[in-house]
């Protein structure tokens, strides 16, 4: 006996089939409406689409913050557990990196 066809059921089936093959979403490219007859088997909708896989549905978790131990010296900043010079290029051995990120003679 079955069910009478509807656009909503055809769309739901298209979404389910997209998920089964690993798609994240589907772009509908063609809709074939049901032909209304007395024969219930002819009362079917057809929807054609292109399935897409965009990657994971959720972004990956942010990496855990890693602190520098011991804390960085003045003129250096902590980045993923490593102290990096704020001045670029890094200051020489007889210089320091100032707050304005320029090298100055050490006193």
Protein backbone atom coordinates (compact mmCIF):
# COMPACT_ATOMS: atom_id res chain seq x y z
CA UNK A 1 0.00 0.00 0.00
CA UNK A 2 2.80 2.45 0.87
CA UNK A 3 2.66 6.19 1.40
CA UNK A 4 1.50 8.95 -0.87
CA UNK A 5 4.53 10.79 -2.25
CA UNK A 6 5.41 14.29 -1.07
CA UNK A 7 8.18 16.76 -1.60
CA UNK A 8 9.02 16.66 2.11
CA UNK A 9 9.51 12.86 2.08
CA UNK A 10 11.65 13.01 -1.06
CA UNK A 11 13.78 15.75 0.49
CA UNK A 12 14.18 13.77 3.73
CA UNK A 13 15.27 10.71 1.75
CA UNK A 14 17.83 12.81 -0.15
CA UNK A 15 19.23 14.15 3.15
CA UNK A 16 19.42 10.64 4.61
CA UNK A 17 21.21 9.28 1.55
CA UNK A 18 23.65 12.21 1.66
CA UNK A 19 24.46 11.45 5.29
CA UNK A 20 24.92 7.74 4.51
CA UNK A 21 27.69 8.52 2.03
CA UNK A 22 29.37 10.99 4.43
CA UNK A 23 28.08 14.25 2.96
CA UNK A 24 27.55 17.37 5.06
CA UNK A 25 24.98 18.95 2.78
CA UNK A 26 23.33 18.46 -0.58
CA UNK A 27 22.56 20.94 -3.36
CA UNK A 28 19.25 20.19 -5.07
CA UNK A 29 19.71 20.37 -8.84
CA UNK A 30 16.46 18.87 -10.16
CA UNK A 31 12.94 18.32 -8.81
CA UNK A 32 10.54 15.91 -10.52
CA UNK A 33 7.05 16.48 -9.10
CA UNK A 34 4.66 13.59 -8.70
CA UNK A 35 2.29 12.78 -11.51
CA UNK A 36 -1.17 12.72 -9.99
CA UNK A 37 -2.95 9.51 -11.09
CA UNK A 38 -5.28 7.03 -9.51
CA UNK A 39 -2.38 4.57 -9.30
CA UNK A 40 -0.71 5.18 -5.93
CA UNK A 41 2.60 3.82 -7.29
CA UNK A 42 2.80 6.73 -9.74
CA UNK A 43 2.42 9.28 -6.98
CA UNK A 44 6.18 9.67 -6.39
CA UNK A 45 8.43 12.71 -6.17
CA UNK A 46 11.99 12.70 -7.40
CA UNK A 47 14.75 15.02 -6.24
CA UNK A 48 18.27 14.92 -7.64
CA UNK A 49 21.15 16.57 -5.87
CA UNK A 50 24.90 16.80 -5.47
CA UNK A 51 26.29 15.79 -2.08
CA UNK A 52 29.19 17.74 -0.58
CA UNK A 53 31.60 16.93 2.21
CA UNK A 54 33.09 20.04 3.77
CA UNK A 55 35.05 18.34 6.56
CA UNK A 56 34.20 18.02 10.17
CA UNK A 57 31.01 19.65 11.33
CA UNK A 58 32.74 21.16 14.34
CA UNK A 59 36.08 22.97 14.37
CA UNK A 60 38.92 21.14 16.11
CA UNK A 61 39.44 22.04 19.75
CA UNK A 62 41.96 24.76 20.45
CA UNK A 63 45.27 23.45 21.77
CA UNK A 64 45.74 23.76 25.50
CA UNK A 65 47.70 26.84 26.56
CA UNK A 66 51.30 26.06 27.45
CA UNK A 67 53.01 28.43 29.85
CA UNK A 68 56.72 29.16 29.83
CA UNK A 69 58.50 27.90 32.92
CA UNK A 70 60.40 29.81 34.14
CA UNK A 71 58.69 33.00 32.94
CA UNK A 72 60.28 34.78 29.98
CA UNK A 73 62.82 37.55 30.53
CA UNK A 74 61.92 41.14 29.59
CA UNK A 75 61.99 41.54 25.79
CA UNK A 76 60.71 38.00 25.25
CA UNK A 77 57.18 36.62 24.99
CA UNK A 78 55.87 33.13 25.65
CA UNK A 79 54.61 31.27 22.58
CA UNK A 80 53.52 27.63 22.98
CA UNK A 81 55.93 27.07 25.85
CA UNK A 82 58.91 28.79 24.19
CA UNK A 83 60.29 32.25 24.93
CA UNK A 84 60.64 34.20 21.68
CA UNK A 85 62.35 37.56 21.27
CA UNK A 86 59.92 40.41 20.72
CA UNK A 87 62.50 42.21 18.57
CA UNK A 88 62.93 40.94 15.07
CA UNK A 89 65.74 40.48 14.31
CA UNK A 90 66.71 39.51 17.83
CA UNK A 91 68.96 41.89 19.73
CA UNK A 92 72.68 41.21 20.08
CA UNK A 93 74.30 39.99 23.31
CA UNK A 94 75.10 43.54 24.47
CA UNK A 95 71.59 44.85 23.69
CA UNK A 96 68.11 44.53 25.15
CA UNK A 97 64.71 44.54 23.48
CA UNK A 98 62.75 47.59 24.66
CA UNK A 99 58.98 47.87 25.14
CA UNK A 100 58.70 49.48 21.68
CA UNK A 101 60.32 46.28 20.23
CA UNK A 102 63.55 47.98 19.25
CA UNK A 103 67.03 47.03 20.41
CA UNK A 104 68.94 49.33 22.77
CA UNK A 105 72.32 49.10 24.45
CA UNK A 106 72.25 47.18 27.73
CA UNK A 107 73.23 49.27 30.77
